[in-house]
Amino acid sequence: MLGFLSPEPYILWLTGAGLLIALVAWLPLALKRLPLSLPIICIAIGAGIFLLPPVTLRPLPWAFPDITERFTELVVIIALMGAGLKLDRIFSWRLICPLLSGP
């Protein structure tokens, strides 16, 4: 019974990766009409996880400067690729803020 209460880190990593893949696949469809994006939702989820009392790890960037630098480079590359893929979309203020569309 004790083994059931404390899962292996490998299982936790696989579960987290699976949930992240599911978010990437389905959340943009669910948020199509809202001014929210996947990165905003992921930041909110991360903040919620690290605010839980059982989580003792604190992701302090200055504690791990090498990992922080590499991870930041990866995130910037992925963000630029995502922005490049969305260049052909039509931009409209009416989709972002319905109050600006007028009567």
N, C-alpha and C. Protein backbone atom coordinates (compact mmCIF):
# COMPACT_ATOMS: atom_id res chain seq x y z
N MET A 1 0.82 -1.20 0.00
CA MET A 1 0.00 0.00 0.00
C MET A 1 0.86 1.26 0.00
N LEU A 2 2.02 1.20 0.65
CA LEU A 2 2.89 2.37 0.72
C LEU A 2 3.42 2.75 -0.66
N GLY A 3 3.71 1.75 -1.50
CA GLY A 3 4.20 2.02 -2.85
C GLY A 3 3.17 2.72 -3.71
N PHE A 4 1.89 2.49 -3.43
CA PHE A 4 0.83 3.13 -4.19
C PHE A 4 0.75 4.62 -3.89
N LEU A 5 1.07 5.01 -2.66
CA LEU A 5 0.97 6.40 -2.27
C LEU A 5 2.10 7.25 -2.81
N SER A 6 3.25 6.66 -3.12
CA SER A 6 4.38 7.43 -3.63
C SER A 6 4.82 6.85 -4.98
N PRO A 7 4.28 7.39 -6.07
CA PRO A 7 4.64 6.87 -7.40
C PRO A 7 6.09 7.21 -7.76
N GLU A 8 6.62 6.42 -8.66
CA GLU A 8 7.99 6.65 -9.12
C GLU A 8 8.06 7.96 -9.92
N PRO A 9 9.20 8.64 -9.87
CA PRO A 9 9.34 9.89 -10.64
C PRO A 9 9.13 9.69 -12.14
N TYR A 10 9.54 8.53 -12.66
CA TYR A 10 9.36 8.24 -14.08
C TYR A 10 7.88 8.29 -14.47
N ILE A 11 7.03 7.71 -13.62
CA ILE A 11 5.58 7.72 -13.89
C ILE A 11 5.05 9.15 -13.82
N LEU A 12 5.55 9.93 -12.87
CA LEU A 12 5.10 11.32 -12.77
C LEU A 12 5.52 12.12 -14.00
N TRP A 13 6.74 11.91 -14.49
CA TRP A 13 7.20 12.61 -15.70
C TRP A 13 6.36 12.21 -16.91
N LEU A 14 6.07 10.92 -17.05
CA LEU A 14 5.24 10.47 -18.17
C LEU A 14 3.83 11.05 -18.09
N THR A 15 3.28 11.09 -16.90
CA THR A 15 1.94 11.67 -16.72
C THR A 15 1.94 13.15 -17.08
N GLY A 16 2.94 13.88 -16.59
CA GLY A 16 3.05 15.30 -16.91
C GLY A 16 3.21 15.54 -18.40
N ALA A 17 4.06 14.74 -19.05
CA ALA A 17 4.26 14.89 -20.49
C ALA A 17 2.97 14.58 -21.25
N GLY A 18 2.26 13.56 -20.82
CA GLY A 18 0.99 13.21 -21.47
C GLY A 18 -0.05 14.29 -21.32
N LEU A 19 -0.14 14.88 -20.12
CA LEU A 19 -1.08 15.98 -19.91
C LEU A 19 -0.71 17.21 -20.73
N LEU A 20 0.59 17.49 -20.83
CA LEU A 20 1.03 18.63 -21.64
C LEU A 20 0.73 18.41 -23.12
N ILE A 21 0.93 17.21 -23.60
CA ILE A 21 0.62 16.90 -25.01
C ILE A 21 -0.88 17.03 -25.25
N ALA A 22 -1.69 16.57 -24.31
CA ALA A 22 -3.15 16.71 -24.44
C ALA A 22 -3.55 18.18 -24.44
N LEU A 23 -2.91 19.00 -23.59
CA LEU A 23 -3.19 20.44 -23.58
C LEU A 23 -2.84 21.08 -24.91
N VAL A 24 -1.69 20.72 -25.45
CA VAL A 24 -1.25 21.30 -26.72
C VAL A 24 -2.21 20.92 -27.84
N ALA A 25 -2.76 19.72 -27.78
CA ALA A 25 -3.65 19.26 -28.85
C ALA A 25 -5.06 19.84 -28.74
N TRP A 26 -5.62 19.89 -27.54
CA TRP A 26 -7.03 20.21 -27.40
C TRP A 26 -7.33 21.61 -26.89
N LEU A 27 -6.45 22.20 -26.12
CA LEU A 27 -6.76 23.51 -25.53
C LEU A 27 -6.91 24.63 -26.56
N PRO A 28 -6.08 24.70 -27.62
CA PRO A 28 -6.31 25.76 -28.60
C PRO A 28 -7.70 25.71 -29.23
N LEU A 29 -8.25 24.51 -29.41
CA LEU A 29 -9.60 24.40 -29.95
C LEU A 29 -10.64 24.92 -28.96
N ALA A 30 -10.41 24.66 -27.67
CA ALA A 30 -11.35 25.10 -26.65
C ALA A 30 -11.26 26.61 -26.41
N LEU A 31 -10.09 27.19 -26.64
CA LEU A 31 -9.88 28.62 -26.38
C LEU A 31 -9.96 29.47 -27.65
N LYS A 32 -10.53 28.92 -28.68
CA LYS A 32 -10.54 29.61 -29.97
C LYS A 32 -11.21 30.98 -29.91
N ARG A 33 -12.28 31.10 -29.13
CA ARG A 33 -13.02 32.35 -29.09
C ARG A 33 -12.67 33.23 -27.90
N LEU A 34 -11.75 32.78 -27.07
CA LEU A 34 -11.34 33.57 -25.90
C LEU A 34 -9.97 34.18 -26.13
N PRO A 35 -9.68 35.30 -25.49
CA PRO A 35 -8.36 35.93 -25.66
C PRO A 35 -7.30 35.29 -24.75
N LEU A 36 -7.35 33.99 -24.61
CA LEU A 36 -6.36 33.25 -23.83
C LEU A 36 -5.56 32.37 -24.78
N SER A 37 -4.36 32.03 -24.35
CA SER A 37 -3.54 31.15 -25.17
C SER A 37 -2.96 30.05 -24.29
N LEU A 38 -2.38 29.07 -24.93
CA LEU A 38 -1.81 27.95 -24.21
C LEU A 38 -0.71 28.38 -23.25
N PRO A 39 0.21 29.29 -23.62
CA PRO A 39 1.23 29.70 -22.65
C PRO A 39 0.66 30.33 -21.38
N ILE A 40 -0.40 31.11 -21.51
CA ILE A 40 -1.01 31.71 -20.33
C ILE A 40 -1.58 30.63 -19.41
N ILE A 41 -2.24 29.65 -20.00
CA ILE A 41 -2.80 28.55 -19.22
C ILE A 41 -1.69 27.74 -18.56
N CYS A 42 -0.59 27.47 -19.29
CA CYS A 42 0.52 26.71 -18.72
C CYS A 42 1.19 27.45 -17.58
N ILE A 43 1.33 28.76 -17.68
CA ILE A 43 1.91 29.54 -16.59
C ILE A 43 0.99 29.48 -15.37
N ALA A 44 -0.29 29.57 -15.56
CA ALA A 44 -1.24 29.48 -14.45
C ALA A 44 -1.18 28.10 -13.79
N ILE A 45 -1.09 27.05 -14.59
CA ILE A 45 -0.99 25.69 -14.04
C ILE A 45 0.31 25.53 -13.26
N GLY A 46 1.42 26.02 -13.82
CA GLY A 46 2.70 25.94 -13.12
C GLY A 46 2.69 26.70 -11.81
N ALA A 47 2.11 27.89 -11.81
CA ALA A 47 2.02 28.67 -10.57
C ALA A 47 1.17 27.93 -9.55
N GLY A 48 0.09 27.33 -10.00
CA GLY A 48 -0.76 26.57 -9.08
C GLY A 48 -0.06 25.36 -8.49
N ILE A 49 0.71 24.67 -9.32
CA ILE A 49 1.43 23.49 -8.83
C ILE A 49 2.48 23.88 -7.79
N PHE A 50 3.26 24.93 -8.08
CA PHE A 50 4.33 25.30 -7.17
C PHE A 50 3.83 26.04 -5.93
N LEU A 51 2.56 26.42 -5.90
CA LEU A 51 1.99 27.00 -4.69
C LEU A 51 1.43 25.95 -3.73
N LEU A 52 1.34 24.68 -4.20
CA LEU A 52 0.85 23.62 -3.34
C LEU A 52 1.85 23.34 -2.21
N PRO A 53 1.38 23.15 -0.99
CA PRO A 53 2.30 22.90 0.13
C PRO A 53 3.18 21.65 -0.02
N PRO A 54 2.68 20.52 -0.59
CA PRO A 54 3.56 19.34 -0.69
C PRO A 54 4.74 19.51 -1.65
N VAL A 55 4.66 20.47 -2.58
CA VAL A 55 5.74 20.67 -3.55
C VAL A 55 6.83 21.50 -2.88
N THR A 56 7.97 20.87 -2.64
CA THR A 56 9.06 21.56 -1.93
C THR A 56 10.06 22.19 -2.88
N LEU A 57 10.05 21.80 -4.15
CA LEU A 57 10.97 22.37 -5.13
C LEU A 57 10.55 23.80 -5.45
N ARG A 58 11.45 24.71 -5.40
CA ARG A 58 11.20 26.10 -5.78
C ARG A 58 12.05 26.42 -7.00
N PRO A 59 11.41 26.71 -8.14
CA PRO A 59 12.16 26.96 -9.37
C PRO A 59 12.77 28.37 -9.39
N LEU A 60 13.89 28.52 -8.75
CA LEU A 60 14.57 29.81 -8.71
C LEU A 60 15.60 29.88 -9.83
N PRO A 61 15.45 30.79 -10.77
CA PRO A 61 16.36 30.85 -11.93
C PRO A 61 17.81 31.08 -11.55
N TRP A 62 18.08 31.90 -10.53
CA TRP A 62 19.47 32.20 -10.18
C TRP A 62 20.14 31.03 -9.45
N ALA A 63 19.36 30.04 -9.00
CA ALA A 63 19.95 28.86 -8.36
C ALA A 63 20.53 27.90 -9.39
N PHE A 64 19.98 27.91 -10.61
CA PHE A 64 20.42 27.01 -11.68
C PHE A 64 20.65 27.82 -12.95
N PRO A 65 21.70 28.62 -13.04
CA PRO A 65 21.86 29.54 -14.18
C PRO A 65 22.05 28.82 -15.52
N ASP A 66 22.77 27.70 -15.55
CA ASP A 66 22.99 27.00 -16.83
C ASP A 66 21.70 26.40 -17.37
N ILE A 67 20.95 25.75 -16.50
CA ILE A 67 19.67 25.16 -16.93
C ILE A 67 18.70 26.26 -17.34
N THR A 68 18.70 27.36 -16.61
CA THR A 68 17.81 28.47 -16.93
C THR A 68 18.11 29.04 -18.30
N GLU A 69 19.40 29.19 -18.61
CA GLU A 69 19.78 29.73 -19.92
C GLU A 69 19.35 28.81 -21.05
N ARG A 70 19.62 27.52 -20.92
CA ARG A 70 19.24 26.57 -21.98
C ARG A 70 17.73 26.48 -22.15
N PHE A 71 17.02 26.44 -21.03
CA PHE A 71 15.57 26.35 -21.09
C PHE A 71 14.96 27.61 -21.71
N THR A 72 15.52 28.76 -21.38
CA THR A 72 15.05 30.02 -21.96
C THR A 72 15.26 30.04 -23.47
N GLU A 73 16.42 29.56 -23.92
CA GLU A 73 16.68 29.49 -25.36
C GLU A 73 15.66 28.59 -26.05
N LEU A 74 15.37 27.45 -25.45
CA LEU A 74 14.40 26.52 -26.03
C LEU A 74 13.01 27.16 -26.11
N VAL A 75 12.60 27.84 -25.05
CA VAL A 75 11.28 28.46 -25.03
C VAL A 75 11.19 29.57 -26.08
N VAL A 76 12.24 30.36 -26.23
CA VAL A 76 12.23 31.43 -27.23
C VAL A 76 12.15 30.85 -28.64
N ILE A 77 12.88 29.80 -28.91
CA ILE A 77 12.82 29.16 -30.24
C ILE A 77 11.43 28.64 -30.52
N ILE A 78 10.82 27.97 -29.55
CA ILE A 78 9.46 27.44 -29.75
C ILE A 78 8.46 28.58 -29.94
N ALA A 79 8.60 29.66 -29.17
CA ALA A 79 7.68 30.80 -29.30
C ALA A 79 7.82 31.46 -30.67
N LEU A 80 9.03 31.61 -31.16
CA LEU A 80 9.23 32.20 -32.48
C LEU A 80 8.67 31.31 -33.58
N MET A 81 8.82 30.01 -33.42
CA MET A 81 8.23 29.09 -34.41
C MET A 81 6.71 29.21 -34.40
N GLY A 82 6.11 29.29 -33.20
CA GLY A 82 4.66 29.43 -33.11
C GLY A 82 4.17 30.73 -33.71
N ALA A 83 4.91 31.81 -33.48
CA ALA A 83 4.53 33.10 -34.07
C ALA A 83 4.67 33.05 -35.59
N GLY A 84 5.70 32.40 -36.07
CA GLY A 84 5.90 32.28 -37.52
C GLY A 84 4.80 31.47 -38.17
N LEU A 85 4.29 30.47 -37.49
CA LEU A 85 3.22 29.65 -38.04
C LEU A 85 1.89 30.39 -38.09
N LYS A 86 1.74 31.44 -37.29
CA LYS A 86 0.48 32.18 -37.23
C LYS A 86 0.50 33.45 -38.07
N LEU A 87 1.50 33.65 -38.91
CA LEU A 87 1.60 34.87 -39.71
C LEU A 87 0.48 35.00 -40.74
N ASP A 88 -0.06 33.90 -41.20
CA ASP A 88 -1.07 33.99 -42.25
C ASP A 88 -2.49 34.17 -41.71
N ARG A 89 -2.67 34.26 -40.40
CA ARG A 89 -3.99 34.48 -39.81
C ARG A 89 -4.41 35.93 -39.98
N ILE A 90 -5.71 36.14 -40.14
CA ILE A 90 -6.26 37.49 -40.25
C ILE A 90 -6.43 38.04 -38.84
N PHE A 91 -5.91 39.24 -38.61
CA PHE A 91 -6.00 39.86 -37.30
C PHE A 91 -7.22 40.76 -37.25
N SER A 92 -7.98 40.66 -36.18
CA SER A 92 -9.15 41.50 -36.01
C SER A 92 -9.32 41.85 -34.54
N TRP A 93 -9.50 43.15 -34.27
CA TRP A 93 -9.72 43.57 -32.89
C TRP A 93 -11.07 43.06 -32.38
N ARG A 94 -12.01 42.80 -33.27
CA ARG A 94 -13.32 42.30 -32.85
C ARG A 94 -13.22 40.92 -32.20
N LEU A 95 -12.27 40.11 -32.64
CA LEU A 95 -12.09 38.80 -32.04
C LEU A 95 -11.45 38.91 -30.65
N ILE A 96 -10.61 39.90 -30.47
CA ILE A 96 -9.90 40.04 -29.19
C ILE A 96 -10.77 40.73 -28.15
N CYS A 97 -11.40 41.83 -28.54
CA CYS A 97 -12.21 42.59 -27.59
C CYS A 97 -13.53 42.95 -28.26
N PRO A 98 -14.62 42.24 -27.92
CA PRO A 98 -15.91 42.54 -28.56
C PRO A 98 -16.42 43.95 -28.29
N LEU A 99 -15.95 44.60 -27.22
CA LEU A 99 -16.41 45.96 -26.91
C LEU A 99 -15.91 46.97 -27.95
N LEU A 100 -14.81 46.69 -28.63
CA LEU A 100 -14.27 47.60 -29.61
C LEU A 100 -14.98 47.51 -30.96
N SER A 101 -15.79 46.50 -31.14
CA SER A 101 -16.41 46.31 -32.45
C SER A 101 -17.54 47.30 -32.73
N GLY A 102 -18.05 47.95 -31.68
CA GLY A 102 -19.10 48.94 -31.90
C GLY A 102 -20.48 48.32 -31.94
N PRO A 103 -21.50 49.15 -32.23
CA PRO A 103 -22.90 48.64 -32.25
C PRO A 103 -23.22 47.82 -33.46
